[in-house]
Amino acid sequence: MTKPTIEFKRIYEHDMDLLIIEEFVSDRNFARIFLDKLQLSDDYIIHKASHSLADSDGESDITLILQYPDKRVALLIEDKIDAQTMPEQSERYHKRAQKAISRGEYDCYYVMLAAPADYHRE
C-alpha cells in the first residue's frame, strides 16, 4: 500500500503555532524538546495551552502553563518562520509575563523562540 502524498502550498506561523500546541499537549517526547532546554522535569500537568494571547503590550504566540507539584510555570513561545522580530518583542513578552505573575496566573516563566536554525544567520 502506498502512502498518500501530502502537499502544502504555504505554511504560515499561525499553522506552526497550532501544530506546536497540539504536539506539546499530545506528545511528551515532543514537549521534552522544549523542557530539556530549560532543564524542567517531566513531573507536570498541562494546566492551560493558549494561542495568540494579547493585551496592550502585544501578543504571545503560544502560552503553555505547566503545573508542577510546587509551582506553576509558563512557557511563552514566539514562533518565527521567516518574519523579522518586531522591535522590543522580547521585552514585551517579559512585560506580559510579569503582569500575569502579579495576577497569580503562574509563579515563573520562560520566553522561548521556535524558529529555523538559520533564522538569525545572515
PDB file of N, CA and C in Angstrom:
ATOM      1  N   MET A   1       0.843  -1.180   0.000  1.00  0.00           N
ATOM      2  CA  MET A   1       0.000   0.000   0.000  1.00  0.00           C
ATOM      3  C   MET A   1       0.888   1.243   0.000  1.00  0.00           C
ATOM      4  N   THR A   2       0.633   2.146  -0.899  1.00  0.00           N
ATOM      5  CA  THR A   2       1.415   3.377  -0.967  1.00  0.00           C
ATOM      6  C   THR A   2       0.826   4.422  -0.035  1.00  0.00           C
ATOM      7  N   LYS A   3       1.712   5.252   0.463  1.00  0.00           N
ATOM      8  CA  LYS A   3       1.279   6.332   1.345  1.00  0.00           C
ATOM      9  C   LYS A   3       0.799   7.501   0.502  1.00  0.00           C
ATOM     10  N   PRO A   4      -0.200   8.216   0.989  1.00  0.00           N
ATOM     11  CA  PRO A   4      -0.685   9.373   0.233  1.00  0.00           C
ATOM     12  C   PRO A   4       0.340  10.505   0.238  1.00  0.00           C
ATOM     13  N   THR A   5       0.296  11.301  -0.778  1.00  0.00           N
ATOM     14  CA  THR A   5       1.116  12.500  -0.838  1.00  0.00           C
ATOM     15  C   THR A   5       0.385  13.610  -0.102  1.00  0.00           C
ATOM     16  N   ILE A   6       1.097  14.266   0.773  1.00  0.00           N
ATOM     17  CA  ILE A   6       0.528  15.406   1.487  1.00  0.00           C
ATOM     18  C   ILE A   6       1.238  16.639   0.973  1.00  0.00           C
ATOM     19  N   GLU A   7       0.474  17.585   0.505  1.00  0.00           N
ATOM     20  CA  GLU A   7       1.061  18.770  -0.119  1.00  0.00           C
ATOM     21  C   GLU A   7       0.536  20.035   0.550  1.00  0.00           C
ATOM     22  N   PHE A   8       1.458  20.932   0.870  1.00  0.00           N
ATOM     23  CA  PHE A   8       1.103  22.225   1.437  1.00  0.00           C
ATOM     24  C   PHE A   8       1.647  23.297   0.507  1.00  0.00           C
ATOM     25  N   LYS A   9       0.811  24.226   0.121  1.00  0.00           N
ATOM     26  CA  LYS A   9       1.264  25.326  -0.738  1.00  0.00           C
ATOM     27  C   LYS A   9       2.113  26.313   0.049  1.00  0.00           C
ATOM     28  N   ARG A  10       1.692  26.608   1.272  1.00  0.00           N
ATOM     29  CA  ARG A  10       2.409  27.574   2.113  1.00  0.00           C
ATOM     30  C   ARG A  10       2.086  27.270   3.560  1.00  0.00           C
ATOM     31  N   ILE A  11       3.087  27.307   4.409  1.00  0.00           N
ATOM     32  CA  ILE A  11       2.902  27.141   5.846  1.00  0.00           C
ATOM     33  C   ILE A  11       3.093  28.508   6.497  1.00  0.00           C
ATOM     34  N   TYR A  12       2.137  28.900   7.299  1.00  0.00           N
ATOM     35  CA  TYR A  12       2.199  30.189   7.981  1.00  0.00           C
ATOM     36  C   TYR A  12       2.549  29.973   9.453  1.00  0.00           C
ATOM     37  N   GLU A  13       3.022  31.025  10.087  1.00  0.00           N
ATOM     38  CA  GLU A  13       3.373  30.923  11.504  1.00  0.00           C
ATOM     39  C   GLU A  13       2.179  30.485  12.340  1.00  0.00           C
ATOM     40  N   HIS A  14       1.011  30.963  12.010  1.00  0.00           N
ATOM     41  CA  HIS A  14      -0.209  30.562  12.722  1.00  0.00           C
ATOM     42  C   HIS A  14      -0.376  29.049  12.669  1.00  0.00           C
ATOM     43  N   ASP A  15      -0.118  28.448  11.506  1.00  0.00           N
ATOM     44  CA  ASP A  15      -0.212  26.994  11.363  1.00  0.00           C
ATOM     45  C   ASP A  15       0.784  26.304  12.286  1.00  0.00           C
ATOM     46  N   MET A  16       1.992  26.823  12.341  1.00  0.00           N
ATOM     47  CA  MET A  16       3.029  26.238  13.196  1.00  0.00           C
ATOM     48  C   MET A  16       2.665  26.383  14.677  1.00  0.00           C
ATOM     49  N   ASP A  17       2.084  27.525  15.050  1.00  0.00           N
ATOM     50  CA  ASP A  17       1.640  27.723  16.437  1.00  0.00           C
ATOM     51  C   ASP A  17       0.710  26.590  16.864  1.00  0.00           C
ATOM     52  N   LEU A  18      -0.295  26.334  16.031  1.00  0.00           N
ATOM     53  CA  LEU A  18      -1.285  25.314  16.372  1.00  0.00           C
ATOM     54  C   LEU A  18      -0.659  23.920  16.395  1.00  0.00           C
ATOM     55  N   LEU A  19       0.258  23.663  15.483  1.00  0.00           N
ATOM     56  CA  LEU A  19       0.941  22.370  15.471  1.00  0.00           C
ATOM     57  C   LEU A  19       1.798  22.190  16.726  1.00  0.00           C
ATOM     58  N   ILE A  20       2.524  23.233  17.120  1.00  0.00           N
ATOM     59  CA  ILE A  20       3.353  23.150  18.324  1.00  0.00           C
ATOM     60  C   ILE A  20       2.480  22.895  19.555  1.00  0.00           C
ATOM     61  N   ILE A  21       1.374  23.608  19.675  1.00  0.00           N
ATOM     62  CA  ILE A  21       0.472  23.400  20.815  1.00  0.00           C
ATOM     63  C   ILE A  21      -0.044  21.965  20.821  1.00  0.00           C
ATOM     64  N   GLU A  22      -0.527  21.499  19.683  1.00  0.00           N
ATOM     65  CA  GLU A  22      -1.098  20.157  19.601  1.00  0.00           C
ATOM     66  C   GLU A  22      -0.059  19.101  19.960  1.00  0.00           C
ATOM     67  N   GLU A  23       1.132  19.235  19.433  1.00  0.00           N
ATOM     68  CA  GLU A  23       2.183  18.252  19.704  1.00  0.00           C
ATOM     69  C   GLU A  23       2.653  18.318  21.153  1.00  0.00           C
ATOM     70  N   PHE A  24       2.782  19.507  21.691  1.00  0.00           N
ATOM     71  CA  PHE A  24       3.212  19.654  23.086  1.00  0.00           C
ATOM     72  C   PHE A  24       2.213  18.984  24.021  1.00  0.00           C
ATOM     73  N   VAL A  25       0.940  19.183  23.756  1.00  0.00           N
ATOM     74  CA  VAL A  25      -0.111  18.635  24.612  1.00  0.00           C
ATOM     75  C   VAL A  25      -0.242  17.121  24.449  1.00  0.00           C
ATOM     76  N   SER A  26      -0.033  16.611  23.250  1.00  0.00           N
ATOM     77  CA  SER A  26      -0.307  15.193  22.997  1.00  0.00           C
ATOM     78  C   SER A  26       0.919  14.286  23.034  1.00  0.00           C
ATOM     79  N   ASP A  27       2.124  14.845  22.986  1.00  0.00           N
ATOM     80  CA  ASP A  27       3.320  14.006  22.873  1.00  0.00           C
ATOM     81  C   ASP A  27       4.407  14.510  23.822  1.00  0.00           C
ATOM     82  N   ARG A  28       4.601  13.795  24.916  1.00  0.00           N
ATOM     83  CA  ARG A  28       5.603  14.213  25.913  1.00  0.00           C
ATOM     84  C   ARG A  28       7.015  14.191  25.346  1.00  0.00           C
ATOM     85  N   ASN A  29       7.283  13.358  24.353  1.00  0.00           N
ATOM     86  CA  ASN A  29       8.610  13.368  23.721  1.00  0.00           C
ATOM     87  C   ASN A  29       8.837  14.684  22.984  1.00  0.00           C
ATOM     88  N   PHE A  30       7.806  15.191  22.343  1.00  0.00           N
ATOM     89  CA  PHE A  30       7.906  16.497  21.690  1.00  0.00           C
ATOM     90  C   PHE A  30       8.108  17.585  22.745  1.00  0.00           C
ATOM     91  N   ALA A  31       7.348  17.527  23.816  1.00  0.00           N
ATOM     92  CA  ALA A  31       7.471  18.525  24.889  1.00  0.00           C
ATOM     93  C   ALA A  31       8.888  18.538  25.456  1.00  0.00           C
ATOM     94  N   ARG A  32       9.536  17.387  25.492  1.00  0.00           N
ATOM     95  CA  ARG A  32      10.906  17.294  26.014  1.00  0.00           C
ATOM     96  C   ARG A  32      11.866  18.186  25.224  1.00  0.00           C
ATOM     97  N   ILE A  33      11.609  18.410  23.950  1.00  0.00           N
ATOM     98  CA  ILE A  33      12.466  19.294  23.145  1.00  0.00           C
ATOM     99  C   ILE A  33      12.575  20.659  23.825  1.00  0.00           C
ATOM    100  N   PHE A  34      11.476  21.161  24.327  1.00  0.00           N
ATOM    101  CA  PHE A  34      11.440  22.454  24.996  1.00  0.00           C
ATOM    102  C   PHE A  34      11.909  22.338  26.445  1.00  0.00           C
ATOM    103  N   LEU A  35      11.392  21.356  27.160  1.00  0.00           N
ATOM    104  CA  LEU A  35      11.676  21.220  28.587  1.00  0.00           C
ATOM    105  C   LEU A  35      13.145  20.926  28.856  1.00  0.00           C
ATOM    106  N   ASP A  36      13.790  20.137  27.991  1.00  0.00           N
ATOM    107  CA  ASP A  36      15.214  19.848  28.177  1.00  0.00           C
ATOM    108  C   ASP A  36      16.057  21.110  28.092  1.00  0.00           C
ATOM    109  N   LYS A  37      15.710  22.015  27.199  1.00  0.00           N
ATOM    110  CA  LYS A  37      16.462  23.266  27.066  1.00  0.00           C
ATOM    111  C   LYS A  37      16.367  24.114  28.332  1.00  0.00           C
ATOM    112  N   LEU A  38      15.280  23.957  29.073  1.00  0.00           N
ATOM    113  CA  LEU A  38      15.049  24.733  30.293  1.00  0.00           C
ATOM    114  C   LEU A  38      15.383  23.946  31.558  1.00  0.00           C
ATOM    115  N   GLN A  39      15.797  22.714  31.385  1.00  0.00           N
ATOM    116  CA  GLN A  39      16.094  21.814  32.498  1.00  0.00           C
ATOM    117  C   GLN A  39      14.890  21.658  33.429  1.00  0.00           C
ATOM    118  N   LEU A  40      13.712  21.512  32.817  1.00  0.00           N
ATOM    119  CA  LEU A  40      12.485  21.271  33.568  1.00  0.00           C
ATOM    120  C   LEU A  40      12.152  19.785  33.523  1.00  0.00           C
ATOM    121  N   SER A  41      11.573  19.284  34.586  1.00  0.00           N
ATOM    122  CA  SER A  41      11.280  17.858  34.693  1.00  0.00           C
ATOM    123  C   SER A  41       9.984  17.487  33.977  1.00  0.00           C
ATOM    124  N   ASP A  42       9.747  16.177  33.927  1.00  0.00           N
ATOM    125  CA  ASP A  42       8.521  15.621  33.339  1.00  0.00           C
ATOM    126  C   ASP A  42       7.373  15.576  34.334  1.00  0.00           C
ATOM    127  N   ASP A  43       7.590  16.031  35.534  1.00  0.00           N
ATOM    128  CA  ASP A  43       6.612  15.926  36.610  1.00  0.00           C
ATOM    129  C   ASP A  43       5.618  17.088  36.557  1.00  0.00           C
ATOM    130  N   TYR A  44       4.892  17.201  35.454  1.00  0.00           N
ATOM    131  CA  TYR A  44       3.962  18.319  35.272  1.00  0.00           C
ATOM    132  C   TYR A  44       2.636  17.823  34.705  1.00  0.00           C
ATOM    133  N   ILE A  45       1.653  18.671  34.874  1.00  0.00           N
ATOM    134  CA  ILE A  45       0.353  18.519  34.232  1.00  0.00           C
ATOM    135  C   ILE A  45       0.136  19.807  33.455  1.00  0.00           C
ATOM    136  N   ILE A  46      -0.360  19.699  32.248  1.00  0.00           N
ATOM    137  CA  ILE A  46      -0.641  20.912  31.477  1.00  0.00           C
ATOM    138  C   ILE A  46      -1.894  21.557  32.055  1.00  0.00           C
ATOM    139  N   HIS A  47      -1.704  22.741  32.602  1.00  0.00           N
ATOM    140  CA  HIS A  47      -2.814  23.488  33.195  1.00  0.00           C
ATOM    141  C   HIS A  47      -3.597  24.228  32.109  1.00  0.00           C
ATOM    142  N   LYS A  48      -2.857  24.803  31.143  1.00  0.00           N
ATOM    143  CA  LYS A  48      -3.514  25.601  30.114  1.00  0.00           C
ATOM    144  C   LYS A  48      -2.599  25.717  28.905  1.00  0.00           C
ATOM    145  N   ALA A  49      -3.190  25.679  27.729  1.00  0.00           N
ATOM    146  CA  ALA A  49      -2.472  25.918  26.477  1.00  0.00           C
ATOM    147  C   ALA A  49      -3.268  26.950  25.698  1.00  0.00           C
ATOM    148  N   SER A  50      -2.623  28.074  25.383  1.00  0.00           N
ATOM    149  CA  SER A  50      -3.327  29.176  24.720  1.00  0.00           C
ATOM    150  C   SER A  50      -2.598  29.616  23.470  1.00  0.00           C
ATOM    151  N   HIS A  51      -3.379  30.073  22.520  1.00  0.00           N
ATOM    152  CA  HIS A  51      -2.837  30.601  21.268  1.00  0.00           C
ATOM    153  C   HIS A  51      -3.188  32.080  21.156  1.00  0.00           C
ATOM    154  N   SER A  52      -2.225  32.869  20.768  1.00  0.00           N
ATOM    155  CA  SER A  52      -2.425  34.299  20.477  1.00  0.00           C
ATOM    156  C   SER A  52      -3.023  35.078  21.644  1.00  0.00           C
ATOM    157  N   LEU A  53      -2.437  34.947  22.822  1.00  0.00           N
ATOM    158  CA  LEU A  53      -2.878  35.766  23.952  1.00  0.00           C
ATOM    159  C   LEU A  53      -2.374  37.188  23.742  1.00  0.00           C
ATOM    160  N   ALA A  54      -3.275  38.148  23.818  1.00  0.00           N
ATOM    161  CA  ALA A  54      -2.892  39.530  23.549  1.00  0.00           C
ATOM    162  C   ALA A  54      -3.387  40.460  24.648  1.00  0.00           C
ATOM    163  N   ASP A  55      -2.615  41.531  24.843  1.00  0.00           N
ATOM    164  CA  ASP A  55      -3.022  42.630  25.705  1.00  0.00           C
ATOM    165  C   ASP A  55      -2.442  43.912  25.126  1.00  0.00           C
ATOM    166  N   SER A  56      -2.457  44.974  25.888  1.00  0.00           N
ATOM    167  CA  SER A  56      -1.991  46.262  25.369  1.00  0.00           C
ATOM    168  C   SER A  56      -0.489  46.269  25.062  1.00  0.00           C
ATOM    169  N   ASP A  57       0.251  45.275  25.561  1.00  0.00           N
ATOM    170  CA  ASP A  57       1.686  45.193  25.305  1.00  0.00           C
ATOM    171  C   ASP A  57       2.032  44.279  24.140  1.00  0.00           C
ATOM    172  N   GLY A  58       1.027  43.710  23.481  1.00  0.00           N
ATOM    173  CA  GLY A  58       1.295  42.863  22.331  1.00  0.00           C
ATOM    174  C   GLY A  58       0.698  41.486  22.486  1.00  0.00           C
ATOM    175  N   GLU A  59       1.279  40.536  21.760  1.00  0.00           N
ATOM    176  CA  GLU A  59       0.711  39.197  21.677  1.00  0.00           C
ATOM    177  C   GLU A  59       1.780  38.143  21.927  1.00  0.00           C
ATOM    178  N   SER A  60       1.384  37.080  22.619  1.00  0.00           N
ATOM    179  CA  SER A  60       2.222  35.895  22.789  1.00  0.00           C
ATOM    180  C   SER A  60       1.662  34.818  21.866  1.00  0.00           C
ATOM    181  N   ASP A  61       2.484  34.316  20.956  1.00  0.00           N
ATOM    182  CA  ASP A  61       2.003  33.304  20.017  1.00  0.00           C
ATOM    183  C   ASP A  61       1.460  32.081  20.744  1.00  0.00           C
ATOM    184  N   ILE A  62       2.269  31.528  21.644  1.00  0.00           N
ATOM    185  CA  ILE A  62       1.906  30.307  22.361  1.00  0.00           C
ATOM    186  C   ILE A  62       2.190  30.518  23.846  1.00  0.00           C
ATOM    187  N   THR A  63       1.218  30.193  24.676  1.00  0.00           N
ATOM    188  CA  THR A  63       1.422  30.220  26.123  1.00  0.00           C
ATOM    189  C   THR A  63       0.999  28.862  26.669  1.00  0.00           C
ATOM    190  N   LEU A  64       1.954  28.189  27.294  1.00  0.00           N
ATOM    191  CA  LEU A  64       1.690  26.903  27.925  1.00  0.00           C
ATOM    192  C   LEU A  64       1.948  27.067  29.415  1.00  0.00           C
ATOM    193  N   ILE A  65       0.965  26.724  30.231  1.00  0.00           N
ATOM    194  CA  ILE A  65       1.141  26.811  31.680  1.00  0.00           C
ATOM    195  C   ILE A  65       1.176  25.391  32.223  1.00  0.00           C
ATOM    196  N   LEU A  66       2.304  25.059  32.845  1.00  0.00           N
ATOM    197  CA  LEU A  66       2.536  23.723  33.368  1.00  0.00           C
ATOM    198  C   LEU A  66       2.449  23.755  34.888  1.00  0.00           C
ATOM    199  N   GLN A  67       1.657  22.860  35.440  1.00  0.00           N
ATOM    200  CA  GLN A  67       1.517  22.758  36.880  1.00  0.00           C
ATOM    201  C   GLN A  67       2.480  21.699  37.392  1.00  0.00           C
ATOM    202  N   TYR A  68       3.449  22.136  38.177  1.00  0.00           N
ATOM    203  CA  TYR A  68       4.381  21.236  38.857  1.00  0.00           C
ATOM    204  C   TYR A  68       3.896  21.083  40.287  1.00  0.00           C
ATOM    205  N   PRO A  69       4.417  20.095  41.022  1.00  0.00           N
ATOM    206  CA  PRO A  69       3.959  19.913  42.413  1.00  0.00           C
ATOM    207  C   PRO A  69       4.110  21.160  43.284  1.00  0.00           C
ATOM    208  N   ASP A  70       5.143  21.975  43.014  1.00  0.00           N
ATOM    209  CA  ASP A  70       5.412  23.118  43.888  1.00  0.00           C
ATOM    210  C   ASP A  70       5.273  24.489  43.227  1.00  0.00           C
ATOM    211  N   LYS A  71       4.943  24.511  41.938  1.00  0.00           N
ATOM    212  CA  LYS A  71       4.828  25.806  41.258  1.00  0.00           C
ATOM    213  C   LYS A  71       4.122  25.649  39.920  1.00  0.00           C
ATOM    214  N   ARG A  72       3.682  26.765  39.396  1.00  0.00           N
ATOM    215  CA  ARG A  72       3.068  26.822  38.068  1.00  0.00           C
ATOM    216  C   ARG A  72       4.031  27.598  37.161  1.00  0.00           C
ATOM    217  N   VAL A  73       4.463  26.952  36.077  1.00  0.00           N
ATOM    218  CA  VAL A  73       5.470  27.507  35.178  1.00  0.00           C
ATOM    219  C   VAL A  73       4.843  27.794  33.817  1.00  0.00           C
ATOM    220  N   ALA A  74       5.108  28.987  33.278  1.00  0.00           N
ATOM    221  CA  ALA A  74       4.612  29.345  31.951  1.00  0.00           C
ATOM    222  C   ALA A  74       5.745  29.308  30.934  1.00  0.00           C
ATOM    223  N   LEU A  75       5.448  28.764  29.777  1.00  0.00           N
ATOM    224  CA  LEU A  75       6.341  28.843  28.627  1.00  0.00           C
ATOM    225  C   LEU A  75       5.665  29.766  27.623  1.00  0.00           C
ATOM    226  N   LEU A  76       6.308  30.869  27.311  1.00  0.00           N
ATOM    227  CA  LEU A  76       5.794  31.800  26.322  1.00  0.00           C
ATOM    228  C   LEU A  76       6.674  31.636  25.085  1.00  0.00           C
ATOM    229  N   ILE A  77       6.085  31.137  24.018  1.00  0.00           N
ATOM    230  CA  ILE A  77       6.857  30.762  22.839  1.00  0.00           C
ATOM    231  C   ILE A  77       6.495  31.660  21.671  1.00  0.00           C
ATOM    232  N   GLU A  78       7.499  32.305  21.124  1.00  0.00           N
ATOM    233  CA  GLU A  78       7.362  33.095  19.900  1.00  0.00           C
ATOM    234  C   GLU A  78       7.775  32.191  18.746  1.00  0.00           C
ATOM    235  N   ASP A  79       6.909  32.050  17.780  1.00  0.00           N
ATOM    236  CA  ASP A  79       7.165  31.211  16.616  1.00  0.00           C
ATOM    237  C   ASP A  79       7.514  32.099  15.423  1.00  0.00           C
ATOM    238  N   LYS A  80       8.623  31.785  14.776  1.00  0.00           N
ATOM    239  CA  LYS A  80       9.036  32.524  13.579  1.00  0.00           C
ATOM    240  C   LYS A  80       9.358  31.528  12.476  1.00  0.00           C
ATOM    241  N   ILE A  81       8.887  31.809  11.291  1.00  0.00           N
ATOM    242  CA  ILE A  81       9.280  31.032  10.117  1.00  0.00           C
ATOM    243  C   ILE A  81      10.242  31.877   9.299  1.00  0.00           C
ATOM    244  N   ASP A  82       9.763  33.046   8.881  1.00  0.00           N
ATOM    245  CA  ASP A  82      10.627  33.921   8.088  1.00  0.00           C
ATOM    246  C   ASP A  82      10.412  35.406   8.380  1.00  0.00           C
ATOM    247  N   ALA A  83       9.419  35.740   9.192  1.00  0.00           N
ATOM    248  CA  ALA A  83       9.168  37.145   9.533  1.00  0.00           C
ATOM    249  C   ALA A  83      10.247  37.649  10.481  1.00  0.00           C
ATOM    250  N   GLN A  84      10.553  38.898  10.377  1.00  0.00           N
ATOM    251  CA  GLN A  84      11.550  39.510  11.246  1.00  0.00           C
ATOM    252  C   GLN A  84      10.978  39.720  12.653  1.00  0.00           C
ATOM    253  N   THR A  85      11.870  39.712  13.631  1.00  0.00           N
ATOM    254  CA  THR A  85      11.473  40.017  15.002  1.00  0.00           C
ATOM    255  C   THR A  85      11.022  41.468  15.072  1.00  0.00           C
ATOM    256  N   MET A  86       9.942  41.695  15.777  1.00  0.00           N
ATOM    257  CA  MET A  86       9.416  43.048  15.934  1.00  0.00           C
ATOM    258  C   MET A  86      10.267  43.801  16.964  1.00  0.00           C
ATOM    259  N   PRO A  87      10.338  45.123  16.837  1.00  0.00           N
ATOM    260  CA  PRO A  87      11.105  45.905  17.818  1.00  0.00           C
ATOM    261  C   PRO A  87      10.590  45.652  19.233  1.00  0.00           C
ATOM    262  N   GLU A  88      11.524  45.435  20.151  1.00  0.00           N
ATOM    263  CA  GLU A  88      11.222  45.238  21.566  1.00  0.00           C
ATOM    264  C   GLU A  88      10.283  44.061  21.834  1.00  0.00           C
ATOM    265  N   GLN A  89      10.244  43.099  20.920  1.00  0.00           N
ATOM    266  CA  GLN A  89       9.335  41.961  21.063  1.00  0.00           C
ATOM    267  C   GLN A  89       9.638  41.150  22.323  1.00  0.00           C
ATOM    268  N   SER A  90      10.885  40.875  22.570  1.00  0.00           N
ATOM    269  CA  SER A  90      11.269  40.107  23.755  1.00  0.00           C
ATOM    270  C   SER A  90      10.875  40.847  25.023  1.00  0.00           C
ATOM    271  N   GLU A  91      11.129  42.141  25.062  1.00  0.00           N
ATOM    272  CA  GLU A  91      10.779  42.937  26.240  1.00  0.00           C
ATOM    273  C   GLU A  91       9.277  42.907  26.510  1.00  0.00           C
ATOM    274  N   ARG A  92       8.475  42.930  25.447  1.00  0.00           N
ATOM    275  CA  ARG A  92       7.024  42.890  25.620  1.00  0.00           C
ATOM    276  C   ARG A  92       6.572  41.532  26.174  1.00  0.00           C
ATOM    277  N   TYR A  93       7.214  40.459  25.736  1.00  0.00           N
ATOM    278  CA  TYR A  93       6.910  39.141  26.300  1.00  0.00           C
ATOM    279  C   TYR A  93       7.160  39.148  27.807  1.00  0.00           C
ATOM    280  N   HIS A  94       8.302  39.668  28.209  1.00  0.00           N
ATOM    281  CA  HIS A  94       8.636  39.712  29.639  1.00  0.00           C
ATOM    282  C   HIS A  94       7.648  40.591  30.409  1.00  0.00           C
ATOM    283  N   LYS A  95       7.260  41.687  29.820  1.00  0.00           N
ATOM    284  CA  LYS A  95       6.308  42.588  30.479  1.00  0.00           C
ATOM    285  C   LYS A  95       4.955  41.899  30.677  1.00  0.00           C
ATOM    286  N   ARG A  96       4.462  41.202  29.635  1.00  0.00           N
ATOM    287  CA  ARG A  96       3.198  40.472  29.766  1.00  0.00           C
ATOM    288  C   ARG A  96       3.306  39.377  30.826  1.00  0.00           C
ATOM    289  N   ALA A  97       4.440  38.697  30.855  1.00  0.00           N
ATOM    290  CA  ALA A  97       4.621  37.620  31.834  1.00  0.00           C
ATOM    291  C   ALA A  97       4.642  38.161  33.260  1.00  0.00           C
ATOM    292  N   GLN A  98       5.318  39.283  33.466  1.00  0.00           N
ATOM    293  CA  GLN A  98       5.357  39.873  34.808  1.00  0.00           C
ATOM    294  C   GLN A  98       3.955  40.280  35.270  1.00  0.00           C
ATOM    295  N   LYS A  99       3.154  40.808  34.360  1.00  0.00           N
ATOM    296  CA  LYS A  99       1.771  41.151  34.709  1.00  0.00           C
ATOM    297  C   LYS A  99       0.984  39.903  35.093  1.00  0.00           C
ATOM    298  N   ALA A 100       1.175  38.822  34.341  1.00  0.00           N
ATOM    299  CA  ALA A 100       0.465  37.569  34.633  1.00  0.00           C
ATOM    300  C   ALA A 100       0.888  37.012  35.989  1.00  0.00           C
ATOM    301  N   ILE A 101       2.167  37.125  36.322  1.00  0.00           N
ATOM    302  CA  ILE A 101       2.633  36.682  37.642  1.00  0.00           C
ATOM    303  C   ILE A 101       1.952  37.500  38.733  1.00  0.00           C
ATOM    304  N   SER A 102       1.864  38.812  38.530  1.00  0.00           N
ATOM    305  CA  SER A 102       1.228  39.668  39.549  1.00  0.00           C
ATOM    306  C   SER A 102      -0.260  39.348  39.702  1.00  0.00           C
ATOM    307  N   ARG A 103      -0.889  38.813  38.648  1.00  0.00           N
ATOM    308  CA  ARG A 103      -2.300  38.397  38.733  1.00  0.00           C
ATOM    309  C   ARG A 103      -2.443  36.978  39.289  1.00  0.00           C
ATOM    310  N   GLY A 104      -1.326  36.316  39.553  1.00  0.00           N
ATOM    311  CA  GLY A 104      -1.364  34.978  40.109  1.00  0.00           C
ATOM    312  C   GLY A 104      -1.600  33.867  39.094  1.00  0.00           C
ATOM    313  N   GLU A 105      -1.392  34.149  37.817  1.00  0.00           N
ATOM    314  CA  GLU A 105      -1.640  33.131  36.780  1.00  0.00           C
ATOM    315  C   GLU A 105      -0.571  32.040  36.783  1.00  0.00           C
ATOM    316  N   TYR A 106       0.646  32.388  37.136  1.00  0.00           N
ATOM    317  CA  TYR A 106       1.736  31.430  37.283  1.00  0.00           C
ATOM    318  C   TYR A 106       2.807  32.041  38.163  1.00  0.00           C
ATOM    319  N   ASP A 107       3.764  31.189  38.561  1.00  0.00           N
ATOM    320  CA  ASP A 107       4.795  31.612  39.512  1.00  0.00           C
ATOM    321  C   ASP A 107       6.083  32.075  38.836  1.00  0.00           C
ATOM    322  N   CYS A 108       6.406  31.465  37.720  1.00  0.00           N
ATOM    323  CA  CYS A 108       7.605  31.842  36.979  1.00  0.00           C
ATOM    324  C   CYS A 108       7.369  31.541  35.501  1.00  0.00           C
ATOM    325  N   TYR A 109       8.272  32.006  34.658  1.00  0.00           N
ATOM    326  CA  TYR A 109       8.061  31.847  33.217  1.00  0.00           C
ATOM    327  C   TYR A 109       9.395  31.777  32.484  1.00  0.00           C
ATOM    328  N   TYR A 110       9.290  31.301  31.255  1.00  0.00           N
ATOM    329  CA  TYR A 110      10.408  31.296  30.307  1.00  0.00           C
ATOM    330  C   TYR A 110       9.883  31.799  28.975  1.00  0.00           C
ATOM    331  N   VAL A 111      10.673  32.631  28.314  1.00  0.00           N
ATOM    332  CA  VAL A 111      10.346  33.097  26.962  1.00  0.00           C
ATOM    333  C   VAL A 111      11.259  32.341  26.008  1.00  0.00           C
ATOM    334  N   MET A 112      10.651  31.744  24.989  1.00  0.00           N
ATOM    335  CA  MET A 112      11.412  30.932  24.040  1.00  0.00           C
ATOM    336  C   MET A 112      11.095  31.347  22.609  1.00  0.00           C
ATOM    337  N   LEU A 113      12.043  31.082  21.727  1.00  0.00           N
ATOM    338  CA  LEU A 113      11.868  31.321  20.299  1.00  0.00           C
ATOM    339  C   LEU A 113      11.923  29.988  19.586  1.00  0.00           C
ATOM    340  N   ALA A 114      10.881  29.671  18.824  1.00  0.00           N
ATOM    341  CA  ALA A 114      10.867  28.486  17.967  1.00  0.00           C
ATOM    342  C   ALA A 114      11.031  28.990  16.535  1.00  0.00           C
ATOM    343  N   ALA A 115      12.168  28.659  15.932  1.00  0.00           N
ATOM    344  CA  ALA A 115      12.487  29.182  14.600  1.00  0.00           C
ATOM    345  C   ALA A 115      13.446  28.235  13.899  1.00  0.00           C
ATOM    346  N   PRO A 116      13.530  28.335  12.581  1.00  0.00           N
ATOM    347  CA  PRO A 116      14.522  27.527  11.861  1.00  0.00           C
ATOM    348  C   PRO A 116      15.932  27.839  12.363  1.00  0.00           C
ATOM    349  N   ALA A 117      16.824  26.864  12.250  1.00  0.00           N
ATOM    350  CA  ALA A 117      18.197  27.022  12.754  1.00  0.00           C
ATOM    351  C   ALA A 117      18.903  28.230  12.160  1.00  0.00           C
ATOM    352  N   ASP A 118      18.608  28.564  10.931  1.00  0.00           N
ATOM    353  CA  ASP A 118      19.304  29.677  10.278  1.00  0.00           C
ATOM    354  C   ASP A 118      18.541  30.998  10.400  1.00  0.00           C
ATOM    355  N   TYR A 119      17.566  31.070  11.303  1.00  0.00           N
ATOM    356  CA  TYR A 119      16.754  32.292  11.425  1.00  0.00           C
ATOM    357  C   TYR A 119      17.583  33.530  11.729  1.00  0.00           C
ATOM    358  N   HIS A 120      18.606  33.402  12.565  1.00  0.00           N
ATOM    359  CA  HIS A 120      19.416  34.565  12.963  1.00  0.00           C
ATOM    360  C   HIS A 120      20.662  34.753  12.109  1.00  0.00           C
ATOM    361  N   ARG A 121      20.864  33.862  11.175  1.00  0.00           N
ATOM    362  CA  ARG A 121      22.038  33.992  10.301  1.00  0.00           C
ATOM    363  C   ARG A 121      21.756  34.940   9.168  1.00  0.00           C
ATOM    364  N   GLU A 122      22.783  35.591   8.700  1.00  0.00           N
ATOM    365  CA  GLU A 122      22.593  36.496   7.563  1.00  0.00           C
ATOM    366  C   GLU A 122      23.217  35.917   6.339  1.00  0.00           C
TER     367      GLU A 122
END
